[in-house]
Amino acid sequence: MTDRKIVWILLCTLISNSAYALIAPFLPLEFKEKGISGEMIGLMFAIYSVAVIICSPFVGKSVEVVGNTNMISLGIAIMGVAFILFGFIPQI
């Protein structure tokens, strides 16, 4: 893997994690407004971390088949859709 690819992978990771970090502070506010308890909010954040740990080996194997660029593009697209859906929370 070239140094340029590593820089792009790190940049994509930074951007996607930054996007999650931007939304994370607002999730508890939305959930509390909907009457969801603090314990459930904490459980939701914990489940996200557990899901990352469980899915990482499978995604690692998929990268070999699909390719780095396609997998990163797919991940960023899925994350983008999730963030757009976050905007529709008031209607849910």
PDB file of N, CA and C in Angstrom:
ATOM      1  N   MET A   1       0.855  -1.176   0.000  1.00  0.00           N
ATOM      2  CA  MET A   1       0.000   0.000   0.000  1.00  0.00           C
ATOM      3  C   MET A   1       0.901   1.239   0.000  1.00  0.00           C
ATOM      4  N   THR A   2       0.565   2.154  -0.828  1.00  0.00           N
ATOM      5  CA  THR A   2       1.394   3.348  -0.915  1.00  0.00           C
ATOM      6  C   THR A   2       1.074   4.317   0.207  1.00  0.00           C
ATOM      7  N   ASP A   3       1.999   5.230   0.413  1.00  0.00           N
ATOM      8  CA  ASP A   3       1.794   6.243   1.459  1.00  0.00           C
ATOM      9  C   ASP A   3       0.574   7.105   1.152  1.00  0.00           C
ATOM     10  N   ARG A   4       0.322   7.340  -0.129  1.00  0.00           N
ATOM     11  CA  ARG A   4      -0.816   8.182  -0.513  1.00  0.00           C
ATOM     12  C   ARG A   4      -2.136   7.512  -0.115  1.00  0.00           C
ATOM     13  N   LYS A   5      -2.249   6.205  -0.320  1.00  0.00           N
ATOM     14  CA  LYS A   5      -3.465   5.496   0.078  1.00  0.00           C
ATOM     15  C   LYS A   5      -3.659   5.534   1.580  1.00  0.00           C
ATOM     16  N   ILE A   6      -2.590   5.391   2.312  1.00  0.00           N
ATOM     17  CA  ILE A   6      -2.689   5.438   3.775  1.00  0.00           C
ATOM     18  C   ILE A   6      -3.181   6.799   4.238  1.00  0.00           C
ATOM     19  N   VAL A   7      -2.678   7.843   3.627  1.00  0.00           N
ATOM     20  CA  VAL A   7      -3.122   9.199   3.983  1.00  0.00           C
ATOM     21  C   VAL A   7      -4.610   9.355   3.689  1.00  0.00           C
ATOM     22  N   TRP A   8      -5.078   8.855   2.544  1.00  0.00           N
ATOM     23  CA  TRP A   8      -6.497   8.958   2.207  1.00  0.00           C
ATOM     24  C   TRP A   8      -7.361   8.159   3.173  1.00  0.00           C
ATOM     25  N   ILE A   9      -6.923   6.973   3.532  1.00  0.00           N
ATOM     26  CA  ILE A   9      -7.684   6.162   4.486  1.00  0.00           C
ATOM     27  C   ILE A   9      -7.768   6.871   5.837  1.00  0.00           C
ATOM     28  N   LEU A  10      -6.659   7.420   6.288  1.00  0.00           N
ATOM     29  CA  LEU A  10      -6.658   8.143   7.560  1.00  0.00           C
ATOM     30  C   LEU A  10      -7.538   9.384   7.492  1.00  0.00           C
ATOM     31  N   LEU A  11      -7.504  10.086   6.371  1.00  0.00           N
ATOM     32  CA  LEU A  11      -8.336  11.283   6.203  1.00  0.00           C
ATOM     33  C   LEU A  11      -9.825  10.921   6.214  1.00  0.00           C
ATOM     34  N   CYS A  12     -10.192   9.856   5.501  1.00  0.00           N
ATOM     35  CA  CYS A  12     -11.589   9.412   5.493  1.00  0.00           C
ATOM     36  C   CYS A  12     -12.040   8.988   6.887  1.00  0.00           C
ATOM     37  N   THR A  13     -11.174   8.298   7.601  1.00  0.00           N
ATOM     38  CA  THR A  13     -11.499   7.888   8.966  1.00  0.00           C
ATOM     39  C   THR A  13     -11.687   9.098   9.867  1.00  0.00           C
ATOM     40  N   LEU A  14     -10.820  10.066   9.739  1.00  0.00           N
ATOM     41  CA  LEU A  14     -10.943  11.291  10.534  1.00  0.00           C
ATOM     42  C   LEU A  14     -12.252  12.009  10.244  1.00  0.00           C
ATOM     43  N   ILE A  15     -12.605  12.134   8.974  1.00  0.00           N
ATOM     44  CA  ILE A  15     -13.833  12.836   8.606  1.00  0.00           C
ATOM     45  C   ILE A  15     -15.063  12.095   9.120  1.00  0.00           C
ATOM     46  N   SER A  16     -15.094  10.773   8.928  1.00  0.00           N
ATOM     47  CA  SER A  16     -16.276  10.028   9.366  1.00  0.00           C
ATOM     48  C   SER A  16     -16.410  10.037  10.886  1.00  0.00           C
ATOM     49  N   ASN A  17     -15.308   9.897  11.603  1.00  0.00           N
ATOM     50  CA  ASN A  17     -15.377   9.950  13.064  1.00  0.00           C
ATOM     51  C   ASN A  17     -15.728  11.349  13.552  1.00  0.00           C
ATOM     52  N   SER A  18     -15.276  12.366  12.856  1.00  0.00           N
ATOM     53  CA  SER A  18     -15.635  13.741  13.218  1.00  0.00           C
ATOM     54  C   SER A  18     -17.124  13.975  13.021  1.00  0.00           C
ATOM     55  N   ALA A  19     -17.661  13.401  11.949  1.00  0.00           N
ATOM     56  CA  ALA A  19     -19.093  13.563  11.701  1.00  0.00           C
ATOM     57  C   ALA A  19     -19.902  12.914  12.819  1.00  0.00           C
ATOM     58  N   TYR A  20     -19.497  11.735  13.252  1.00  0.00           N
ATOM     59  CA  TYR A  20     -20.185  11.073  14.369  1.00  0.00           C
ATOM     60  C   TYR A  20     -20.049  11.912  15.637  1.00  0.00           C
ATOM     61  N   ALA A  21     -18.868  12.451  15.851  1.00  0.00           N
ATOM     62  CA  ALA A  21     -18.635  13.263  17.046  1.00  0.00           C
ATOM     63  C   ALA A  21     -19.474  14.541  17.030  1.00  0.00           C
ATOM     64  N   LEU A  22     -19.797  15.055  15.852  1.00  0.00           N
ATOM     65  CA  LEU A  22     -20.641  16.245  15.768  1.00  0.00           C
ATOM     66  C   LEU A  22     -22.092  15.939  16.114  1.00  0.00           C
ATOM     67  N   ILE A  23     -22.563  14.763  15.736  1.00  0.00           N
ATOM     68  CA  ILE A  23     -23.956  14.409  15.997  1.00  0.00           C
ATOM     69  C   ILE A  23     -24.156  13.875  17.416  1.00  0.00           C
ATOM     70  N   ALA A  24     -23.180  13.188  17.955  1.00  0.00           N
ATOM     71  CA  ALA A  24     -23.310  12.532  19.250  1.00  0.00           C
ATOM     72  C   ALA A  24     -23.805  13.452  20.380  1.00  0.00           C
ATOM     73  N   PRO A  25     -23.361  14.702  20.474  1.00  0.00           N
ATOM     74  CA  PRO A  25     -23.866  15.535  21.570  1.00  0.00           C
ATOM     75  C   PRO A  25     -25.353  15.872  21.465  1.00  0.00           C
ATOM     76  N   PHE A  26     -25.904  15.803  20.261  1.00  0.00           N
ATOM     77  CA  PHE A  26     -27.307  16.167  20.079  1.00  0.00           C
ATOM     78  C   PHE A  26     -28.258  14.987  20.262  1.00  0.00           C
ATOM     79  N   LEU A  27     -27.754  13.771  20.143  1.00  0.00           N
ATOM     80  CA  LEU A  27     -28.611  12.602  20.302  1.00  0.00           C
ATOM     81  C   LEU A  27     -29.277  12.540  21.676  1.00  0.00           C
ATOM     82  N   PRO A  28     -28.549  12.708  22.773  1.00  0.00           N
ATOM     83  CA  PRO A  28     -29.226  12.659  24.080  1.00  0.00           C
ATOM     84  C   PRO A  28     -30.315  13.719  24.221  1.00  0.00           C
ATOM     85  N   LEU A  29     -30.102  14.896  23.649  1.00  0.00           N
ATOM     86  CA  LEU A  29     -31.126  15.948  23.728  1.00  0.00           C
ATOM     87  C   LEU A  29     -32.399  15.521  23.003  1.00  0.00           C
ATOM     88  N   GLU A  30     -32.242  14.949  21.818  1.00  0.00           N
ATOM     89  CA  GLU A  30     -33.396  14.471  21.058  1.00  0.00           C
ATOM     90  C   GLU A  30     -34.097  13.333  21.787  1.00  0.00           C
ATOM     91  N   PHE A  31     -33.314  12.424  22.342  1.00  0.00           N
ATOM     92  CA  PHE A  31     -33.901  11.281  23.026  1.00  0.00           C
ATOM     93  C   PHE A  31     -34.633  11.705  24.293  1.00  0.00           C
ATOM     94  N   LYS A  32     -34.050  12.619  25.046  1.00  0.00           N
ATOM     95  CA  LYS A  32     -34.715  13.088  26.267  1.00  0.00           C
ATOM     96  C   LYS A  32     -36.020  13.798  25.920  1.00  0.00           C
ATOM     97  N   GLU A  33     -36.005  14.545  24.812  1.00  0.00           N
ATOM     98  CA  GLU A  33     -37.213  15.233  24.362  1.00  0.00           C
ATOM     99  C   GLU A  33     -38.319  14.233  24.037  1.00  0.00           C
ATOM    100  N   LYS A  34     -37.930  13.050  23.598  1.00  0.00           N
ATOM    101  CA  LYS A  34     -38.891  12.005  23.269  1.00  0.00           C
ATOM    102  C   LYS A  34     -39.207  11.109  24.471  1.00  0.00           C
ATOM    103  N   GLY A  35     -38.620  11.432  25.631  1.00  0.00           N
ATOM    104  CA  GLY A  35     -38.922  10.695  26.850  1.00  0.00           C
ATOM    105  C   GLY A  35     -38.125   9.410  27.027  1.00  0.00           C
ATOM    106  N   ILE A  36     -37.004   9.299  26.352  1.00  0.00           N
ATOM    107  CA  ILE A  36     -36.163   8.111  26.486  1.00  0.00           C
ATOM    108  C   ILE A  36     -35.212   8.330  27.649  1.00  0.00           C
ATOM    109  N   SER A  37     -35.085   7.328  28.507  1.00  0.00           N
ATOM    110  CA  SER A  37     -34.299   7.481  29.736  1.00  0.00           C
ATOM    111  C   SER A  37     -32.800   7.559  29.445  1.00  0.00           C
ATOM    112  N   GLY A  38     -32.068   8.063  30.426  1.00  0.00           N
ATOM    113  CA  GLY A  38     -30.614   8.172  30.325  1.00  0.00           C
ATOM    114  C   GLY A  38     -29.942   6.816  30.192  1.00  0.00           C
ATOM    115  N   GLU A  39     -30.524   5.807  30.849  1.00  0.00           N
ATOM    116  CA  GLU A  39     -29.962   4.462  30.749  1.00  0.00           C
ATOM    117  C   GLU A  39     -30.045   3.932  29.318  1.00  0.00           C
ATOM    118  N   MET A  40     -31.156   4.186  28.665  1.00  0.00           N
ATOM    119  CA  MET A  40     -31.323   3.732  27.285  1.00  0.00           C
ATOM    120  C   MET A  40     -30.380   4.487  26.345  1.00  0.00           C
ATOM    121  N   ILE A  41     -30.148   5.767  26.622  1.00  0.00           N
ATOM    122  CA  ILE A  41     -29.209   6.547  25.812  1.00  0.00           C
ATOM    123  C   ILE A  41     -27.808   5.968  25.956  1.00  0.00           C
ATOM    124  N   GLY A  42     -27.409   5.670  27.193  1.00  0.00           N
ATOM    125  CA  GLY A  42     -26.107   5.060  27.422  1.00  0.00           C
ATOM    126  C   GLY A  42     -25.991   3.698  26.764  1.00  0.00           C
ATOM    127  N   LEU A  43     -27.071   2.921  26.811  1.00  0.00           N
ATOM    128  CA  LEU A  43     -27.084   1.609  26.173  1.00  0.00           C
ATOM    129  C   LEU A  43     -26.919   1.738  24.659  1.00  0.00           C
ATOM    130  N   MET A  44     -27.544   2.752  24.068  1.00  0.00           N
ATOM    131  CA  MET A  44     -27.431   2.963  22.638  1.00  0.00           C
ATOM    132  C   MET A  44     -25.986   3.252  22.234  1.00  0.00           C
ATOM    133  N   PHE A  45     -25.313   4.102  22.991  1.00  0.00           N
ATOM    134  CA  PHE A  45     -23.910   4.404  22.702  1.00  0.00           C
ATOM    135  C   PHE A  45     -23.024   3.177  22.930  1.00  0.00           C
ATOM    136  N   ALA A  46     -23.332   2.377  23.944  1.00  0.00           N
ATOM    137  CA  ALA A  46     -22.559   1.166  24.208  1.00  0.00           C
ATOM    138  C   ALA A  46     -22.765   0.140  23.095  1.00  0.00           C
ATOM    139  N   ILE A  47     -23.992   0.001  22.621  1.00  0.00           N
ATOM    140  CA  ILE A  47     -24.277  -0.947  21.540  1.00  0.00           C
ATOM    141  C   ILE A  47     -23.525  -0.550  20.275  1.00  0.00           C
ATOM    142  N   TYR A  48     -23.417   0.734  20.012  1.00  0.00           N
ATOM    143  CA  TYR A  48     -22.656   1.190  18.841  1.00  0.00           C
ATOM    144  C   TYR A  48     -21.211   0.693  18.932  1.00  0.00           C
ATOM    145  N   SER A  49     -20.595   0.849  20.090  1.00  0.00           N
ATOM    146  CA  SER A  49     -19.205   0.418  20.262  1.00  0.00           C
ATOM    147  C   SER A  49     -19.076  -1.099  20.157  1.00  0.00           C
ATOM    148  N   VAL A  50     -20.006  -1.826  20.738  1.00  0.00           N
ATOM    149  CA  VAL A  50     -19.974  -3.288  20.661  1.00  0.00           C
ATOM    150  C   VAL A  50     -20.153  -3.741  19.209  1.00  0.00           C
ATOM    151  N   ALA A  51     -21.054  -3.091  18.477  1.00  0.00           N
ATOM    152  CA  ALA A  51     -21.272  -3.441  17.072  1.00  0.00           C
ATOM    153  C   ALA A  51     -20.006  -3.211  16.251  1.00  0.00           C
ATOM    154  N   VAL A  52     -19.287  -2.138  16.535  1.00  0.00           N
ATOM    155  CA  VAL A  52     -18.030  -1.872  15.828  1.00  0.00           C
ATOM    156  C   VAL A  52     -17.031  -2.988  16.103  1.00  0.00           C
ATOM    157  N   ILE A  53     -16.931  -3.405  17.353  1.00  0.00           N
ATOM    158  CA  ILE A  53     -15.984  -4.472  17.718  1.00  0.00           C
ATOM    159  C   ILE A  53     -16.365  -5.791  17.048  1.00  0.00           C
ATOM    160  N   ILE A  54     -17.647  -6.115  17.032  1.00  0.00           N
ATOM    161  CA  ILE A  54     -18.089  -7.384  16.451  1.00  0.00           C
ATOM    162  C   ILE A  54     -17.954  -7.377  14.931  1.00  0.00           C
ATOM    163  N   CYS A  55     -18.295  -6.273  14.289  1.00  0.00           N
ATOM    164  CA  CYS A  55     -18.305  -6.212  12.818  1.00  0.00           C
ATOM    165  C   CYS A  55     -16.928  -5.992  12.206  1.00  0.00           C
ATOM    166  N   SER A  56     -15.985  -5.488  12.957  1.00  0.00           N
ATOM    167  CA  SER A  56     -14.668  -5.166  12.405  1.00  0.00           C
ATOM    168  C   SER A  56     -13.980  -6.338  11.707  1.00  0.00           C
ATOM    169  N   PRO A  57     -13.959  -7.538  12.285  1.00  0.00           N
ATOM    170  CA  PRO A  57     -13.301  -8.644  11.570  1.00  0.00           C
ATOM    171  C   PRO A  57     -13.975  -8.983  10.233  1.00  0.00           C
ATOM    172  N   PHE A  58     -15.311  -8.923  10.200  1.00  0.00           N
ATOM    173  CA  PHE A  58     -16.035  -9.224   8.967  1.00  0.00           C
ATOM    174  C   PHE A  58     -15.792  -8.158   7.900  1.00  0.00           C
ATOM    175  N   VAL A  59     -15.765  -6.917   8.327  1.00  0.00           N
ATOM    176  CA  VAL A  59     -15.479  -5.831   7.392  1.00  0.00           C
ATOM    177  C   VAL A  59     -14.048  -5.944   6.891  1.00  0.00           C
ATOM    178  N   GLY A  60     -13.126  -6.327   7.749  1.00  0.00           N
ATOM    179  CA  GLY A  60     -11.736  -6.525   7.343  1.00  0.00           C
ATOM    180  C   GLY A  60     -11.610  -7.581   6.257  1.00  0.00           C
ATOM    181  N   LYS A  61     -12.357  -8.687   6.404  1.00  0.00           N
ATOM    182  CA  LYS A  61     -12.353  -9.727   5.368  1.00  0.00           C
ATOM    183  C   LYS A  61     -13.003  -9.212   4.086  1.00  0.00           C
ATOM    184  N   SER A  62     -14.054  -8.413   4.213  1.00  0.00           N
ATOM    185  CA  SER A  62     -14.745  -7.875   3.040  1.00  0.00           C
ATOM    186  C   SER A  62     -13.867  -6.914   2.257  1.00  0.00           C
ATOM    187  N   VAL A  63     -12.998  -6.205   2.942  1.00  0.00           N
ATOM    188  CA  VAL A  63     -12.096  -5.262   2.268  1.00  0.00           C
ATOM    189  C   VAL A  63     -11.219  -6.003   1.268  1.00  0.00           C
ATOM    190  N   GLU A  64     -10.794  -7.209   1.623  1.00  0.00           N
ATOM    191  CA  GLU A  64      -9.969  -7.989   0.709  1.00  0.00           C
ATOM    192  C   GLU A  64     -10.728  -8.320  -0.568  1.00  0.00           C
ATOM    193  N   VAL A  65     -12.021  -8.566  -0.463  1.00  0.00           N
ATOM    194  CA  VAL A  65     -12.826  -8.949  -1.617  1.00  0.00           C
ATOM    195  C   VAL A  65     -13.279  -7.725  -2.417  1.00  0.00           C
ATOM    196  N   VAL A  66     -13.810  -6.734  -1.730  1.00  0.00           N
ATOM    197  CA  VAL A  66     -14.413  -5.568  -2.377  1.00  0.00           C
ATOM    198  C   VAL A  66     -13.374  -4.526  -2.759  1.00  0.00           C
ATOM    199  N   GLY A  67     -12.368  -4.345  -1.936  1.00  0.00           N
ATOM    200  CA  GLY A  67     -11.346  -3.334  -2.180  1.00  0.00           C
ATOM    201  C   GLY A  67     -11.470  -2.171  -1.212  1.00  0.00           C
ATOM    202  N   ASN A  68     -10.348  -1.516  -0.955  1.00  0.00           N
ATOM    203  CA  ASN A  68     -10.308  -0.408   0.015  1.00  0.00           C
ATOM    204  C   ASN A  68     -11.225   0.735  -0.374  1.00  0.00           C
ATOM    205  N   THR A  69     -11.068   1.193  -1.606  1.00  0.00           N
ATOM    206  CA  THR A  69     -11.807   2.380  -2.037  1.00  0.00           C
ATOM    207  C   THR A  69     -13.306   2.131  -2.016  1.00  0.00           C
ATOM    208  N   ASN A  70     -13.743   0.987  -2.524  1.00  0.00           N
ATOM    209  CA  ASN A  70     -15.174   0.684  -2.542  1.00  0.00           C
ATOM    210  C   ASN A  70     -15.741   0.556  -1.133  1.00  0.00           C
ATOM    211  N   MET A  71     -14.989  -0.052  -0.239  1.00  0.00           N
ATOM    212  CA  MET A  71     -15.469  -0.238   1.131  1.00  0.00           C
ATOM    213  C   MET A  71     -15.558   1.099   1.863  1.00  0.00           C
ATOM    214  N   ILE A  72     -14.577   1.947   1.673  1.00  0.00           N
ATOM    215  CA  ILE A  72     -14.618   3.272   2.308  1.00  0.00           C
ATOM    216  C   ILE A  72     -15.779   4.082   1.748  1.00  0.00           C
ATOM    217  N   SER A  73     -15.962   4.028   0.435  1.00  0.00           N
ATOM    218  CA  SER A  73     -17.072   4.756  -0.193  1.00  0.00           C
ATOM    219  C   SER A  73     -18.412   4.252   0.322  1.00  0.00           C
ATOM    220  N   LEU A  74     -18.559   2.945   0.435  1.00  0.00           N
ATOM    221  CA  LEU A  74     -19.795   2.364   0.948  1.00  0.00           C
ATOM    222  C   LEU A  74     -20.039   2.792   2.395  1.00  0.00           C
ATOM    223  N   GLY A  75     -19.007   2.738   3.209  1.00  0.00           N
ATOM    224  CA  GLY A  75     -19.148   3.139   4.605  1.00  0.00           C
ATOM    225  C   GLY A  75     -19.525   4.598   4.767  1.00  0.00           C
ATOM    226  N   ILE A  76     -18.898   5.460   3.996  1.00  0.00           N
ATOM    227  CA  ILE A  76     -19.214   6.889   4.084  1.00  0.00           C
ATOM    228  C   ILE A  76     -20.628   7.157   3.566  1.00  0.00           C
ATOM    229  N   ALA A  77     -21.049   6.439   2.522  1.00  0.00           N
ATOM    230  CA  ALA A  77     -22.409   6.604   2.004  1.00  0.00           C
ATOM    231  C   ALA A  77     -23.447   6.175   3.044  1.00  0.00           C
ATOM    232  N   ILE A  78     -23.209   5.040   3.690  1.00  0.00           N
ATOM    233  CA  ILE A  78     -24.138   4.560   4.723  1.00  0.00           C
ATOM    234  C   ILE A  78     -24.188   5.546   5.886  1.00  0.00           C
ATOM    235  N   MET A  79     -23.038   6.063   6.271  1.00  0.00           N
ATOM    236  CA  MET A  79     -22.990   7.034   7.362  1.00  0.00           C
ATOM    237  C   MET A  79     -23.730   8.316   6.971  1.00  0.00           C
ATOM    238  N   GLY A  80     -23.579   8.749   5.729  1.00  0.00           N
ATOM    239  CA  GLY A  80     -24.281   9.933   5.243  1.00  0.00           C
ATOM    240  C   GLY A  80     -25.790   9.751   5.276  1.00  0.00           C
ATOM    241  N   VAL A  81     -26.265   8.581   4.855  1.00  0.00           N
ATOM    242  CA  VAL A  81     -27.699   8.300   4.900  1.00  0.00           C
ATOM    243  C   VAL A  81     -28.194   8.315   6.345  1.00  0.00           C
ATOM    244  N   ALA A  82     -27.417   7.742   7.252  1.00  0.00           N
ATOM    245  CA  ALA A  82     -27.802   7.735   8.665  1.00  0.00           C
ATOM    246  C   ALA A  82     -27.898   9.162   9.215  1.00  0.00           C
ATOM    247  N   PHE A  83     -26.966  10.026   8.813  1.00  0.00           N
ATOM    248  CA  PHE A  83     -27.003  11.407   9.288  1.00  0.00           C
ATOM    249  C   PHE A  83     -28.184  12.163   8.700  1.00  0.00           C
ATOM    250  N   ILE A  84     -28.533  11.878   7.456  1.00  0.00           N
ATOM    251  CA  ILE A  84     -29.707  12.510   6.848  1.00  0.00           C
ATOM    252  C   ILE A  84     -30.966  12.052   7.576  1.00  0.00           C
ATOM    253  N   LEU A  85     -31.048  10.758   7.874  1.00  0.00           N
ATOM    254  CA  LEU A  85     -32.196  10.246   8.613  1.00  0.00           C
ATOM    255  C   LEU A  85     -32.283  10.855  10.007  1.00  0.00           C
ATOM    256  N   PHE A  86     -31.134  11.211  10.587  1.00  0.00           N
ATOM    257  CA  PHE A  86     -31.129  11.877  11.888  1.00  0.00           C
ATOM    258  C   PHE A  86     -31.932  13.181  11.821  1.00  0.00           C
ATOM    259  N   GLY A  87     -31.885  13.837  10.672  1.00  0.00           N
ATOM    260  CA  GLY A  87     -32.648  15.077  10.495  1.00  0.00           C
ATOM    261  C   GLY A  87     -34.145  14.869  10.527  1.00  0.00           C
ATOM    262  N   PHE A  88     -34.608  13.646  10.280  1.00  0.00           N
ATOM    263  CA  PHE A  88     -36.041  13.357  10.280  1.00  0.00           C
ATOM    264  C   PHE A  88     -36.550  12.888  11.634  1.00  0.00           C
ATOM    265  N   ILE A  89     -35.708  12.895  12.663  1.00  0.00           N
ATOM    266  CA  ILE A  89     -36.131  12.443  13.988  1.00  0.00           C
ATOM    267  C   ILE A  89     -37.365  13.192  14.494  1.00  0.00           C
ATOM    268  N   PRO A  90     -37.473  14.514  14.281  1.00  0.00           N
ATOM    269  CA  PRO A  90     -38.679  15.187  14.806  1.00  0.00           C
ATOM    270  C   PRO A  90     -39.990  14.636  14.226  1.00  0.00           C
ATOM    271  N   GLN A  91     -39.959  14.075  13.023  1.00  0.00           N
ATOM    272  CA  GLN A  91     -41.188  13.536  12.423  1.00  0.00           C
ATOM    273  C   GLN A  91     -41.479  12.113  12.888  1.00  0.00           C
ATOM    274  N   ILE A  92     -40.497  11.459  13.507  1.00  0.00           N
ATOM    275  CA  ILE A  92     -40.726  10.055  13.928  1.00  0.00           C
ATOM    276  C   ILE A  92     -41.508  10.030  15.219  1.00  0.00           C
TER     277      ILE A  92
END
